[in-house]
Amino acid sequence: MTHWKAFFETVHLAALGVWLGVVAAAGGFAASVFPVMRELDPKLPAFGAYAGEHWLIMGGAVAQRVFLLTDIVQFVCAVLAMGTLGCLIAFLGLPRQRPATIVRACALGLALACAAGSIIIVAPPLNAALKMYWRAAQVGDMGAVAVHKAAVDELHPIASKLMAGTVLAVFVAFIAGLWATARPWEGAKATAASRGRGRYEEPTLLRGKRA
């Protein structure tokens, strides 16, 4: 049982660590790629009919690919983190009443909500608006560009807030998990001690008969 508990705790913390690192790195990449593209001010031959900002399209295309890969990785990490924590609580004796366990479960639930909101609710219409924006830019339809770019600008802050919420929640779950594994719960020791005190000593006559 101890080996299985160590295995599930290791997988759980590894999944949280990868999840945290990937989402934080994606956010940092998006925050840095657009200023670089703006300074370079590229001109894209495929968008020769577009008189607007080509750097914004190029930065968005690169960032979209990074976010797609990020969503795949964080989906896998979320499944692993949730599954291992559930097994630890249900089968491997992780104390449900321990504050660290409650914090881990609540933080992981919040992270899953933010990730699901980003992947399922926000990402599909955002990606669709981006594609229509780029398609209109390729043919130089400035009216359609304005409409679809406005949709992108409306959804982008929501996606950024969900990403920040995911990073914060996963970070809290990760720290709580490290704390729980590094510091044994005092309540478990107290429970074991009380059970030991509650046992009656074997009578001397019975020990003599067995001897």
N, C-alpha and C. Protein backbone atom coordinates (compact mmCIF):
# COMPACT_ATOMS: atom_id res chain seq x y z
N MET A 1 0.83 -1.20 0.00
CA MET A 1 0.00 0.00 0.00
C MET A 1 0.86 1.26 0.00
N THR A 2 1.97 1.22 0.78
CA THR A 2 2.85 2.39 0.85
C THR A 2 3.47 2.69 -0.50
N HIS A 3 3.86 1.64 -1.22
CA HIS A 3 4.46 1.84 -2.54
C HIS A 3 3.45 2.43 -3.52
N TRP A 4 2.22 1.96 -3.48
CA TRP A 4 1.20 2.51 -4.37
C TRP A 4 0.90 3.96 -4.02
N LYS A 5 0.88 4.28 -2.73
CA LYS A 5 0.64 5.66 -2.32
C LYS A 5 1.75 6.57 -2.83
N ALA A 6 2.99 6.12 -2.71
CA ALA A 6 4.12 6.91 -3.20
C ALA A 6 4.03 7.07 -4.72
N PHE A 7 3.63 6.01 -5.41
CA PHE A 7 3.52 6.08 -6.87
C PHE A 7 2.46 7.11 -7.29
N PHE A 8 1.27 7.03 -6.68
CA PHE A 8 0.19 7.95 -7.06
C PHE A 8 0.52 9.39 -6.66
N GLU A 9 1.17 9.58 -5.53
CA GLU A 9 1.57 10.93 -5.13
C GLU A 9 2.58 11.49 -6.12
N THR A 10 3.52 10.65 -6.55
CA THR A 10 4.54 11.10 -7.51
C THR A 10 3.91 11.49 -8.84
N VAL A 11 3.02 10.64 -9.35
CA VAL A 11 2.35 10.95 -10.61
C VAL A 11 1.50 12.21 -10.48
N HIS A 12 0.83 12.33 -9.34
CA HIS A 12 -0.03 13.51 -9.11
C HIS A 12 0.78 14.79 -9.13
N LEU A 13 1.87 14.82 -8.38
CA LEU A 13 2.69 16.03 -8.31
C LEU A 13 3.40 16.30 -9.64
N ALA A 14 3.81 15.24 -10.33
CA ALA A 14 4.45 15.43 -11.63
C ALA A 14 3.46 16.03 -12.63
N ALA A 15 2.23 15.53 -12.61
CA ALA A 15 1.21 16.07 -13.51
C ALA A 15 0.93 17.54 -13.22
N LEU A 16 0.83 17.88 -11.93
CA LEU A 16 0.60 19.28 -11.56
C LEU A 16 1.79 20.15 -11.97
N GLY A 17 3.00 19.65 -11.78
CA GLY A 17 4.18 20.42 -12.14
C GLY A 17 4.26 20.69 -13.63
N VAL A 18 4.00 19.65 -14.45
CA VAL A 18 4.02 19.84 -15.90
C VAL A 18 2.90 20.77 -16.33
N TRP A 19 1.72 20.59 -15.75
CA TRP A 19 0.57 21.45 -16.06
C TRP A 19 0.90 22.91 -15.77
N LEU A 20 1.42 23.15 -14.58
CA LEU A 20 1.78 24.52 -14.19
C LEU A 20 2.83 25.10 -15.12
N GLY A 21 3.87 24.34 -15.40
CA GLY A 21 4.95 24.85 -16.22
C GLY A 21 4.52 25.14 -17.64
N VAL A 22 3.73 24.26 -18.23
CA VAL A 22 3.31 24.45 -19.62
C VAL A 22 2.40 25.66 -19.78
N VAL A 23 1.41 25.79 -18.89
CA VAL A 23 0.48 26.91 -19.02
C VAL A 23 1.18 28.24 -18.73
N ALA A 24 2.04 28.26 -17.70
CA ALA A 24 2.78 29.48 -17.40
C ALA A 24 3.72 29.85 -18.54
N ALA A 25 4.38 28.85 -19.13
CA ALA A 25 5.28 29.12 -20.25
C ALA A 25 4.51 29.64 -21.47
N ALA A 26 3.34 29.09 -21.72
CA ALA A 26 2.52 29.56 -22.85
C ALA A 26 2.10 31.01 -22.66
N GLY A 27 1.71 31.35 -21.42
CA GLY A 27 1.36 32.74 -21.15
C GLY A 27 2.54 33.67 -21.32
N GLY A 28 3.71 33.24 -20.84
CA GLY A 28 4.90 34.06 -21.01
C GLY A 28 5.31 34.20 -22.46
N PHE A 29 5.13 33.12 -23.23
CA PHE A 29 5.45 33.19 -24.65
C PHE A 29 4.54 34.19 -25.36
N ALA A 30 3.24 34.12 -25.08
CA ALA A 30 2.30 35.03 -25.73
C ALA A 30 2.60 36.48 -25.36
N ALA A 31 3.02 36.70 -24.12
CA ALA A 31 3.32 38.06 -23.69
C ALA A 31 4.57 38.62 -24.33
N SER A 32 5.46 37.74 -24.80
CA SER A 32 6.71 38.21 -25.38
C SER A 32 6.73 38.20 -26.90
N VAL A 33 5.95 37.30 -27.52
CA VAL A 33 6.04 37.16 -28.98
C VAL A 33 5.45 38.37 -29.70
N PHE A 34 4.37 38.93 -29.17
CA PHE A 34 3.73 40.04 -29.87
C PHE A 34 4.60 41.31 -29.89
N PRO A 35 5.24 41.69 -28.78
CA PRO A 35 6.16 42.85 -28.86
C PRO A 35 7.31 42.63 -29.84
N VAL A 36 7.83 41.39 -29.90
CA VAL A 36 8.91 41.10 -30.84
C VAL A 36 8.42 41.23 -32.28
N MET A 37 7.25 40.68 -32.56
CA MET A 37 6.70 40.78 -33.91
C MET A 37 6.43 42.23 -34.29
N ARG A 38 5.99 42.99 -33.31
CA ARG A 38 5.72 44.41 -33.60
C ARG A 38 7.00 45.15 -33.95
N GLU A 39 8.08 44.86 -33.27
CA GLU A 39 9.35 45.51 -33.58
C GLU A 39 9.88 45.08 -34.95
N LEU A 40 9.72 43.81 -35.28
CA LEU A 40 10.20 43.32 -36.58
C LEU A 40 9.35 43.84 -37.73
N ASP A 41 8.06 44.06 -37.47
CA ASP A 41 7.12 44.58 -38.46
C ASP A 41 7.20 43.80 -39.79
N PRO A 42 6.90 42.50 -39.75
CA PRO A 42 7.03 41.71 -40.98
C PRO A 42 5.90 42.02 -41.97
N LYS A 43 6.17 41.72 -43.22
CA LYS A 43 5.18 41.82 -44.28
C LYS A 43 4.98 40.41 -44.86
N LEU A 44 3.77 39.91 -44.80
CA LEU A 44 3.48 38.56 -45.21
C LEU A 44 2.97 38.54 -46.65
N PRO A 45 3.64 37.82 -47.54
CA PRO A 45 3.20 37.77 -48.94
C PRO A 45 1.77 37.23 -49.09
N ALA A 46 1.39 36.28 -48.24
CA ALA A 46 0.04 35.71 -48.34
C ALA A 46 -1.04 36.73 -48.00
N PHE A 47 -0.66 37.83 -47.33
CA PHE A 47 -1.62 38.87 -46.95
C PHE A 47 -1.27 40.18 -47.66
N GLY A 48 -0.83 40.07 -48.90
CA GLY A 48 -0.43 41.27 -49.65
C GLY A 48 -1.57 42.24 -49.87
N ALA A 49 -2.82 41.74 -49.90
CA ALA A 49 -3.96 42.63 -50.12
C ALA A 49 -4.41 43.32 -48.83
N TYR A 50 -3.80 42.97 -47.70
CA TYR A 50 -4.22 43.53 -46.42
C TYR A 50 -3.33 44.72 -46.07
N ALA A 51 -3.97 45.84 -45.80
CA ALA A 51 -3.23 47.06 -45.49
C ALA A 51 -3.03 47.26 -43.99
N GLY A 52 -3.48 46.29 -43.20
CA GLY A 52 -3.37 46.43 -41.74
C GLY A 52 -2.05 45.93 -41.20
N GLU A 53 -2.07 45.54 -39.93
CA GLU A 53 -0.85 45.15 -39.21
C GLU A 53 -0.56 43.68 -39.43
N HIS A 54 0.46 43.39 -40.21
CA HIS A 54 0.83 42.01 -40.48
C HIS A 54 1.46 41.33 -39.26
N TRP A 55 2.15 42.10 -38.43
CA TRP A 55 2.79 41.52 -37.25
C TRP A 55 1.76 40.92 -36.30
N LEU A 56 0.58 41.51 -36.25
CA LEU A 56 -0.46 40.99 -35.37
C LEU A 56 -0.96 39.64 -35.85
N ILE A 57 -1.06 39.48 -37.16
CA ILE A 57 -1.50 38.21 -37.72
C ILE A 57 -0.42 37.14 -37.51
N MET A 58 0.81 37.49 -37.75
CA MET A 58 1.90 36.52 -37.59
C MET A 58 2.04 36.08 -36.13
N GLY A 59 1.99 37.03 -35.22
CA GLY A 59 2.07 36.68 -33.79
C GLY A 59 0.90 35.83 -33.36
N GLY A 60 -0.29 36.15 -33.86
CA GLY A 60 -1.47 35.36 -33.51
C GLY A 60 -1.40 33.94 -34.03
N ALA A 61 -0.86 33.77 -35.26
CA ALA A 61 -0.75 32.43 -35.83
C ALA A 61 0.22 31.57 -35.03
N VAL A 62 1.34 32.14 -34.62
CA VAL A 62 2.30 31.39 -33.82
C VAL A 62 1.73 31.06 -32.45
N ALA A 63 1.11 32.05 -31.82
CA ALA A 63 0.55 31.84 -30.48
C ALA A 63 -0.57 30.81 -30.50
N GLN A 64 -1.37 30.81 -31.56
CA GLN A 64 -2.46 29.84 -31.63
C GLN A 64 -1.94 28.41 -31.63
N ARG A 65 -0.86 28.15 -32.36
CA ARG A 65 -0.28 26.82 -32.38
C ARG A 65 0.24 26.43 -30.99
N VAL A 66 0.87 27.38 -30.31
CA VAL A 66 1.38 27.10 -28.96
C VAL A 66 0.24 26.80 -28.00
N PHE A 67 -0.84 27.56 -28.08
CA PHE A 67 -1.97 27.35 -27.18
C PHE A 67 -2.68 26.03 -27.48
N LEU A 68 -2.70 25.61 -28.74
CA LEU A 68 -3.30 24.32 -29.07
C LEU A 68 -2.53 23.19 -28.41
N LEU A 69 -1.20 23.22 -28.52
CA LEU A 69 -0.38 22.21 -27.86
C LEU A 69 -0.52 22.28 -26.33
N THR A 70 -0.65 23.51 -25.82
CA THR A 70 -0.81 23.69 -24.38
C THR A 70 -2.12 23.06 -23.90
N ASP A 71 -3.18 23.24 -24.65
CA ASP A 71 -4.47 22.67 -24.26
C ASP A 71 -4.42 21.14 -24.24
N ILE A 72 -3.71 20.55 -25.19
CA ILE A 72 -3.58 19.08 -25.21
C ILE A 72 -2.84 18.59 -23.97
N VAL A 73 -1.73 19.26 -23.67
CA VAL A 73 -0.92 18.85 -22.51
C VAL A 73 -1.67 19.05 -21.22
N GLN A 74 -2.35 20.18 -21.06
CA GLN A 74 -3.03 20.41 -19.80
C GLN A 74 -4.26 19.52 -19.63
N PHE A 75 -4.86 19.08 -20.73
CA PHE A 75 -5.96 18.12 -20.63
C PHE A 75 -5.45 16.80 -20.07
N VAL A 76 -4.33 16.32 -20.60
CA VAL A 76 -3.74 15.07 -20.10
C VAL A 76 -3.33 15.21 -18.64
N CYS A 77 -2.70 16.33 -18.30
CA CYS A 77 -2.27 16.55 -16.92
C CYS A 77 -3.45 16.66 -15.97
N ALA A 78 -4.52 17.29 -16.41
CA ALA A 78 -5.71 17.42 -15.57
C ALA A 78 -6.32 16.06 -15.27
N VAL A 79 -6.39 15.20 -16.28
CA VAL A 79 -6.94 13.85 -16.08
C VAL A 79 -6.08 13.07 -15.09
N LEU A 80 -4.75 13.13 -15.26
CA LEU A 80 -3.85 12.43 -14.36
C LEU A 80 -3.94 12.97 -12.93
N ALA A 81 -3.95 14.29 -12.80
CA ALA A 81 -3.99 14.90 -11.46
C ALA A 81 -5.29 14.56 -10.74
N MET A 82 -6.40 14.65 -11.45
CA MET A 82 -7.69 14.36 -10.83
C MET A 82 -7.82 12.88 -10.50
N GLY A 83 -7.40 12.02 -11.42
CA GLY A 83 -7.51 10.58 -11.19
C GLY A 83 -6.65 10.10 -10.03
N THR A 84 -5.42 10.58 -9.96
CA THR A 84 -4.53 10.15 -8.88
C THR A 84 -4.99 10.67 -7.52
N LEU A 85 -5.47 11.91 -7.48
CA LEU A 85 -5.96 12.43 -6.20
C LEU A 85 -7.20 11.66 -5.76
N GLY A 86 -8.07 11.33 -6.71
CA GLY A 86 -9.25 10.54 -6.36
C GLY A 86 -8.88 9.17 -5.81
N CYS A 87 -7.89 8.52 -6.41
CA CYS A 87 -7.44 7.22 -5.91
C CYS A 87 -6.80 7.34 -4.53
N LEU A 88 -6.03 8.40 -4.32
CA LEU A 88 -5.40 8.60 -3.02
C LEU A 88 -6.44 8.78 -1.91
N ILE A 89 -7.51 9.49 -2.21
CA ILE A 89 -8.55 9.72 -1.21
C ILE A 89 -9.43 8.49 -1.02
N ALA A 90 -9.82 7.86 -2.12
CA ALA A 90 -10.79 6.77 -2.04
C ALA A 90 -10.19 5.45 -1.60
N PHE A 91 -8.94 5.16 -2.01
CA PHE A 91 -8.40 3.82 -1.79
C PHE A 91 -7.12 3.77 -0.97
N LEU A 92 -6.39 4.87 -0.88
CA LEU A 92 -5.06 4.81 -0.27
C LEU A 92 -4.95 5.59 1.03
N GLY A 93 -6.07 5.95 1.61
CA GLY A 93 -6.08 6.49 2.96
C GLY A 93 -5.67 7.93 3.12
N LEU A 94 -5.70 8.72 2.05
CA LEU A 94 -5.40 10.14 2.21
C LEU A 94 -6.50 10.78 3.05
N PRO A 95 -6.15 11.40 4.19
CA PRO A 95 -7.18 11.90 5.12
C PRO A 95 -8.06 12.98 4.47
N ARG A 96 -9.34 12.72 4.41
CA ARG A 96 -10.25 13.68 3.79
C ARG A 96 -10.42 14.94 4.62
N GLN A 97 -10.31 14.81 5.94
CA GLN A 97 -10.53 15.96 6.83
C GLN A 97 -9.28 16.80 7.02
N ARG A 98 -8.16 16.37 6.45
CA ARG A 98 -6.95 17.16 6.59
C ARG A 98 -7.05 18.45 5.79
N PRO A 99 -6.68 19.60 6.35
CA PRO A 99 -6.77 20.87 5.62
C PRO A 99 -6.04 20.85 4.28
N ALA A 100 -4.86 20.22 4.24
CA ALA A 100 -4.10 20.18 2.99
C ALA A 100 -4.86 19.43 1.91
N THR A 101 -5.56 18.35 2.29
CA THR A 101 -6.36 17.60 1.31
C THR A 101 -7.51 18.44 0.79
N ILE A 102 -8.14 19.18 1.68
CA ILE A 102 -9.26 20.04 1.26
C ILE A 102 -8.78 21.12 0.31
N VAL A 103 -7.63 21.72 0.64
CA VAL A 103 -7.06 22.75 -0.23
C VAL A 103 -6.70 22.16 -1.59
N ARG A 104 -6.10 20.97 -1.59
CA ARG A 104 -5.73 20.32 -2.86
C ARG A 104 -6.95 20.07 -3.72
N ALA A 105 -8.00 19.53 -3.11
CA ALA A 105 -9.20 19.20 -3.88
C ALA A 105 -9.88 20.45 -4.42
N CYS A 106 -10.00 21.48 -3.58
CA CYS A 106 -10.65 22.72 -4.02
C CYS A 106 -9.85 23.43 -5.11
N ALA A 107 -8.54 23.50 -4.93
CA ALA A 107 -7.69 24.16 -5.93
C ALA A 107 -7.71 23.39 -7.25
N LEU A 108 -7.68 22.07 -7.17
CA LEU A 108 -7.73 21.28 -8.39
C LEU A 108 -9.07 21.43 -9.09
N GLY A 109 -10.15 21.48 -8.32
CA GLY A 109 -11.46 21.71 -8.92
C GLY A 109 -11.54 23.05 -9.62
N LEU A 110 -10.98 24.09 -9.00
CA LEU A 110 -10.97 25.41 -9.63
C LEU A 110 -10.12 25.41 -10.90
N ALA A 111 -8.99 24.72 -10.86
CA ALA A 111 -8.13 24.62 -12.04
C ALA A 111 -8.84 23.92 -13.18
N LEU A 112 -9.55 22.85 -12.86
CA LEU A 112 -10.30 22.13 -13.88
C LEU A 112 -11.41 23.00 -14.47
N ALA A 113 -12.07 23.79 -13.63
CA ALA A 113 -13.12 24.67 -14.12
C ALA A 113 -12.56 25.73 -15.06
N CYS A 114 -11.43 26.31 -14.69
CA CYS A 114 -10.80 27.33 -15.55
C CYS A 114 -10.32 26.72 -16.86
N ALA A 115 -9.69 25.55 -16.77
CA ALA A 115 -9.19 24.91 -17.99
C ALA A 115 -10.33 24.49 -18.90
N ALA A 116 -11.39 23.94 -18.32
CA ALA A 116 -12.54 23.53 -19.13
C ALA A 116 -13.22 24.74 -19.77
N GLY A 117 -13.32 25.83 -19.01
CA GLY A 117 -13.91 27.04 -19.58
C GLY A 117 -13.10 27.57 -20.74
N SER A 118 -11.77 27.47 -20.62
CA SER A 118 -10.91 27.94 -21.69
C SER A 118 -10.97 27.04 -22.91
N ILE A 119 -10.86 25.72 -22.69
CA ILE A 119 -10.77 24.77 -23.80
C ILE A 119 -12.12 24.56 -24.49
N ILE A 120 -13.18 24.45 -23.69
CA ILE A 120 -14.48 24.07 -24.24
C ILE A 120 -15.33 25.27 -24.64
N ILE A 121 -15.28 26.34 -23.83
CA ILE A 121 -16.20 27.45 -24.05
C ILE A 121 -15.57 28.59 -24.85
N VAL A 122 -14.37 29.00 -24.47
CA VAL A 122 -13.78 30.20 -25.07
C VAL A 122 -12.97 29.89 -26.32
N ALA A 123 -12.16 28.83 -26.29
CA ALA A 123 -11.25 28.54 -27.40
C ALA A 123 -11.94 28.32 -28.74
N PRO A 124 -13.03 27.55 -28.82
CA PRO A 124 -13.65 27.32 -30.14
C PRO A 124 -14.11 28.60 -30.84
N PRO A 125 -14.90 29.48 -30.19
CA PRO A 125 -15.28 30.71 -30.90
C PRO A 125 -14.10 31.65 -31.15
N LEU A 126 -13.11 31.64 -30.26
CA LEU A 126 -11.94 32.48 -30.46
C LEU A 126 -11.15 32.03 -31.69
N ASN A 127 -10.93 30.72 -31.80
CA ASN A 127 -10.20 30.21 -32.96
C ASN A 127 -10.98 30.42 -34.25
N ALA A 128 -12.30 30.28 -34.19
CA ALA A 128 -13.12 30.51 -35.38
C ALA A 128 -13.05 31.96 -35.82
N ALA A 129 -13.10 32.88 -34.84
CA ALA A 129 -13.02 34.30 -35.18
C ALA A 129 -11.64 34.64 -35.76
N LEU A 130 -10.58 34.01 -35.23
CA LEU A 130 -9.24 34.24 -35.77
C LEU A 130 -9.13 33.79 -37.22
N LYS A 131 -9.67 32.62 -37.52
CA LYS A 131 -9.59 32.10 -38.89
C LYS A 131 -10.36 33.00 -39.86
N MET A 132 -11.53 33.46 -39.44
CA MET A 132 -12.31 34.34 -40.32
C MET A 132 -11.63 35.69 -40.48
N TYR A 133 -10.98 36.16 -39.42
CA TYR A 133 -10.21 37.40 -39.47
C TYR A 133 -9.06 37.28 -40.46
N TRP A 134 -8.32 36.18 -40.40
CA TRP A 134 -7.20 35.97 -41.32
C TRP A 134 -7.69 35.78 -42.76
N ARG A 135 -8.80 35.06 -42.91
CA ARG A 135 -9.33 34.83 -44.26
C ARG A 135 -9.76 36.15 -44.90
N ALA A 136 -10.39 37.01 -44.11
CA ALA A 136 -10.80 38.31 -44.64
C ALA A 136 -9.60 39.19 -44.94
N ALA A 137 -8.55 39.07 -44.12
CA ALA A 137 -7.35 39.86 -44.36
C ALA A 137 -6.64 39.43 -45.64
N GLN A 138 -6.68 38.14 -45.95
CA GLN A 138 -6.03 37.65 -47.16
C GLN A 138 -6.62 38.26 -48.43
N VAL A 139 -7.92 38.49 -48.41
CA VAL A 139 -8.58 39.05 -49.60
C VAL A 139 -8.74 40.56 -49.51
N GLY A 140 -8.28 41.14 -48.40
CA GLY A 140 -8.34 42.58 -48.24
C GLY A 140 -9.71 43.13 -47.93
N ASP A 141 -10.59 42.32 -47.35
CA ASP A 141 -11.94 42.76 -46.98
C ASP A 141 -11.86 43.43 -45.61
N MET A 142 -11.64 44.74 -45.59
CA MET A 142 -11.42 45.45 -44.34
C MET A 142 -12.67 45.50 -43.46
N GLY A 143 -13.84 45.49 -44.08
CA GLY A 143 -15.08 45.49 -43.28
C GLY A 143 -15.21 44.21 -42.48
N ALA A 144 -14.98 43.06 -43.13
CA ALA A 144 -15.05 41.78 -42.43
C ALA A 144 -13.91 41.66 -41.41
N VAL A 145 -12.75 42.21 -41.75
CA VAL A 145 -11.63 42.18 -40.80
C VAL A 145 -12.01 42.88 -39.51
N ALA A 146 -12.64 44.04 -39.62
CA ALA A 146 -13.03 44.80 -38.43
C ALA A 146 -14.00 44.01 -37.55
N VAL A 147 -14.95 43.33 -38.19
CA VAL A 147 -15.95 42.58 -37.44
C VAL A 147 -15.31 41.42 -36.69
N HIS A 148 -14.52 40.63 -37.39
CA HIS A 148 -13.93 39.44 -36.77
C HIS A 148 -12.83 39.81 -35.78
N LYS A 149 -12.10 40.86 -36.05
CA LYS A 149 -11.07 41.29 -35.10
C LYS A 149 -11.71 41.79 -33.80
N ALA A 150 -12.87 42.43 -33.91
CA ALA A 150 -13.58 42.87 -32.71
C ALA A 150 -14.01 41.67 -31.87
N ALA A 151 -14.42 40.58 -32.53
CA ALA A 151 -14.79 39.36 -31.80
C ALA A 151 -13.57 38.77 -31.09
N VAL A 152 -12.44 38.80 -31.77
CA VAL A 152 -11.21 38.30 -31.15
C VAL A 152 -10.83 39.16 -29.94
N ASP A 153 -10.90 40.45 -30.10
CA ASP A 153 -10.55 41.36 -29.01
C ASP A 153 -11.49 41.21 -27.82
N GLU A 154 -12.72 40.80 -28.06
CA GLU A 154 -13.68 40.61 -26.97
C GLU A 154 -13.41 39.33 -26.19
N LEU A 155 -13.00 38.28 -26.89
CA LEU A 155 -12.78 36.99 -26.24
C LEU A 155 -11.38 36.85 -25.63
N HIS A 156 -10.44 37.58 -26.16
CA HIS A 156 -9.05 37.42 -25.70
C HIS A 156 -8.86 37.72 -24.20
N PRO A 157 -9.44 38.80 -23.65
CA PRO A 157 -9.26 39.03 -22.20
C PRO A 157 -9.85 37.92 -21.35
N ILE A 158 -10.96 37.33 -21.80
CA ILE A 158 -11.55 36.22 -21.04
C ILE A 158 -10.61 35.03 -21.03
N ALA A 159 -10.03 34.72 -22.19
CA ALA A 159 -9.08 33.61 -22.27
C ALA A 159 -7.86 33.87 -21.38
N SER A 160 -7.39 35.11 -21.34
CA SER A 160 -6.23 35.45 -20.51
C SER A 160 -6.54 35.28 -19.03
N LYS A 161 -7.74 35.69 -18.61
CA LYS A 161 -8.12 35.55 -17.20
C LYS A 161 -8.27 34.09 -16.81
N LEU A 162 -8.83 33.28 -17.70
CA LEU A 162 -8.96 31.85 -17.41
C LEU A 162 -7.59 31.19 -17.31
N MET A 163 -6.67 31.61 -18.15
CA MET A 163 -5.31 31.06 -18.08
C MET A 163 -4.64 31.46 -16.77
N ALA A 164 -4.80 32.71 -16.37
CA ALA A 164 -4.22 33.16 -15.10
C ALA A 164 -4.85 32.41 -13.93
N GLY A 165 -6.16 32.20 -13.99
CA GLY A 165 -6.83 31.43 -12.93
C GLY A 165 -6.34 30.00 -12.87
N THR A 166 -6.10 29.39 -14.03
CA THR A 166 -5.57 28.03 -14.06
C THR A 166 -4.19 27.97 -13.42
N VAL A 167 -3.32 28.90 -13.78
CA VAL A 167 -1.96 28.92 -13.22
C VAL A 167 -2.00 29.07 -11.71
N LEU A 168 -2.81 29.98 -11.22
CA LEU A 168 -2.89 30.21 -9.78
C LEU A 168 -3.44 28.99 -9.05
N ALA A 169 -4.51 28.40 -9.57
CA ALA A 169 -5.12 27.24 -8.91
C ALA A 169 -4.20 26.04 -8.92
N VAL A 170 -3.54 25.77 -10.05
CA VAL A 170 -2.61 24.63 -10.11
C VAL A 170 -1.43 24.87 -9.18
N PHE A 171 -0.96 26.10 -9.09
CA PHE A 171 0.14 26.41 -8.19
C PHE A 171 -0.24 26.11 -6.74
N VAL A 172 -1.44 26.51 -6.33
CA VAL A 172 -1.90 26.24 -4.96
C VAL A 172 -2.02 24.74 -4.72
N ALA A 173 -2.59 24.01 -5.69
CA ALA A 173 -2.72 22.56 -5.55
C ALA A 173 -1.35 21.89 -5.46
N PHE A 174 -0.41 22.38 -6.24
CA PHE A 174 0.94 21.82 -6.24
C PHE A 174 1.64 22.05 -4.90
N ILE A 175 1.55 23.27 -4.38
CA ILE A 175 2.19 23.58 -3.09
C ILE A 175 1.53 22.78 -1.97
N ALA A 176 0.21 22.68 -1.99
CA ALA A 176 -0.49 21.91 -0.95
C ALA A 176 -0.11 20.44 -1.03
N GLY A 177 0.07 19.92 -2.24
CA GLY A 177 0.49 18.53 -2.38
C GLY A 177 1.90 18.30 -1.86
N LEU A 178 2.81 19.22 -2.15
CA LEU A 178 4.17 19.11 -1.61
C LEU A 178 4.16 19.16 -0.09
N TRP A 179 3.37 20.06 0.46
CA TRP A 179 3.28 20.18 1.93
C TRP A 179 2.74 18.88 2.54
N ALA A 180 1.73 18.31 1.90
CA ALA A 180 1.12 17.09 2.44
C ALA A 180 2.08 15.91 2.41
N THR A 181 2.89 15.81 1.38
CA THR A 181 3.82 14.69 1.29
C THR A 181 5.06 14.89 2.16
N ALA A 182 5.45 16.15 2.34
CA ALA A 182 6.66 16.42 3.12
C ALA A 182 6.41 16.43 4.62
N ARG A 183 5.17 16.70 5.04
CA ARG A 183 4.86 16.80 6.46
C ARG A 183 3.71 15.86 6.80
N PRO A 184 3.97 14.76 7.52
CA PRO A 184 2.91 13.83 7.89
C PRO A 184 1.84 14.53 8.71
N TRP A 185 0.63 14.06 8.54
CA TRP A 185 -0.50 14.69 9.24
C TRP A 185 -0.52 14.28 10.70
N GLU A 186 -0.58 15.27 11.60
CA GLU A 186 -0.58 14.99 13.03
C GLU A 186 -1.85 14.27 13.45
N GLY A 187 -2.95 14.51 12.75
CA GLY A 187 -4.20 13.85 13.10
C GLY A 187 -4.12 12.34 12.95
N ALA A 188 -3.36 11.88 11.96
CA ALA A 188 -3.20 10.43 11.77
C ALA A 188 -2.44 9.82 12.94
N LYS A 189 -1.40 10.53 13.43
CA LYS A 189 -0.65 10.03 14.57
C LYS A 189 -1.52 9.98 15.82
N ALA A 190 -2.32 11.03 16.00
CA ALA A 190 -3.19 11.07 17.17
C ALA A 190 -4.22 9.96 17.14
N THR A 191 -4.76 9.68 15.96
CA THR A 191 -5.75 8.62 15.82
C THR A 191 -5.13 7.26 16.13
N ALA A 192 -3.91 7.03 15.61
CA ALA A 192 -3.23 5.77 15.87
C ALA A 192 -2.92 5.61 17.35
N ALA A 193 -2.51 6.71 18.00
CA ALA A 193 -2.18 6.65 19.42
C ALA A 193 -3.43 6.36 20.26
N SER A 194 -4.55 6.99 19.90
CA SER A 194 -5.78 6.77 20.64
C SER A 194 -6.27 5.34 20.48
N ARG A 195 -6.08 4.78 19.28
CA ARG A 195 -6.46 3.39 19.08
C ARG A 195 -5.59 2.46 19.92
N GLY A 196 -4.31 2.80 20.04
CA GLY A 196 -3.41 1.98 20.85
C GLY A 196 -3.77 2.03 22.32
N ARG A 197 -4.17 3.23 22.79
CA ARG A 197 -4.55 3.37 24.19
C ARG A 197 -5.86 2.66 24.47
N GLY A 198 -6.70 2.53 23.46
CA GLY A 198 -8.02 1.92 23.67
C GLY A 198 -7.98 0.41 23.74
N ARG A 199 -6.87 -0.23 23.43
CA ARG A 199 -6.77 -1.67 23.47
C ARG A 199 -6.50 -2.13 24.91
N TYR A 200 -7.17 -3.19 25.29
CA TYR A 200 -6.96 -3.74 26.62
C TYR A 200 -5.77 -4.70 26.61
N GLU A 201 -5.02 -4.67 27.68
CA GLU A 201 -3.87 -5.55 27.79
C GLU A 201 -4.33 -6.99 27.99
N GLU A 202 -3.65 -7.93 27.37
CA GLU A 202 -4.02 -9.34 27.48
C GLU A 202 -3.81 -9.81 28.92
N PRO A 203 -4.79 -10.49 29.50
CA PRO A 203 -4.65 -10.95 30.89
C PRO A 203 -3.45 -11.86 31.07
N THR A 204 -2.87 -11.78 32.27
CA THR A 204 -1.68 -12.57 32.58
C THR A 204 -1.97 -14.06 32.55
N LEU A 205 -3.17 -14.49 33.05
CA LEU A 205 -3.51 -15.90 33.08
C LEU A 205 -3.57 -16.50 31.69
N LEU A 206 -4.08 -15.69 30.71
CA LEU A 206 -4.16 -16.21 29.34
C LEU A 206 -2.77 -16.37 28.75
N ARG A 207 -1.87 -15.42 29.06
CA ARG A 207 -0.52 -15.55 28.56
C ARG A 207 0.17 -16.77 29.15
N GLY A 208 -0.16 -17.05 30.43
CA GLY A 208 0.43 -18.22 31.08
C GLY A 208 -0.05 -19.52 30.49
N LYS A 209 -1.34 -19.57 30.14
CA LYS A 209 -1.89 -20.79 29.55
C LYS A 209 -1.28 -21.06 28.18
N ARG A 210 -1.08 -19.96 27.39
CA ARG A 210 -0.50 -20.13 26.06
C ARG A 210 0.95 -20.61 26.15
N ALA A 211 1.63 -20.12 27.17
CA ALA A 211 3.02 -20.55 27.34
C ALA A 211 3.09 -22.03 27.71
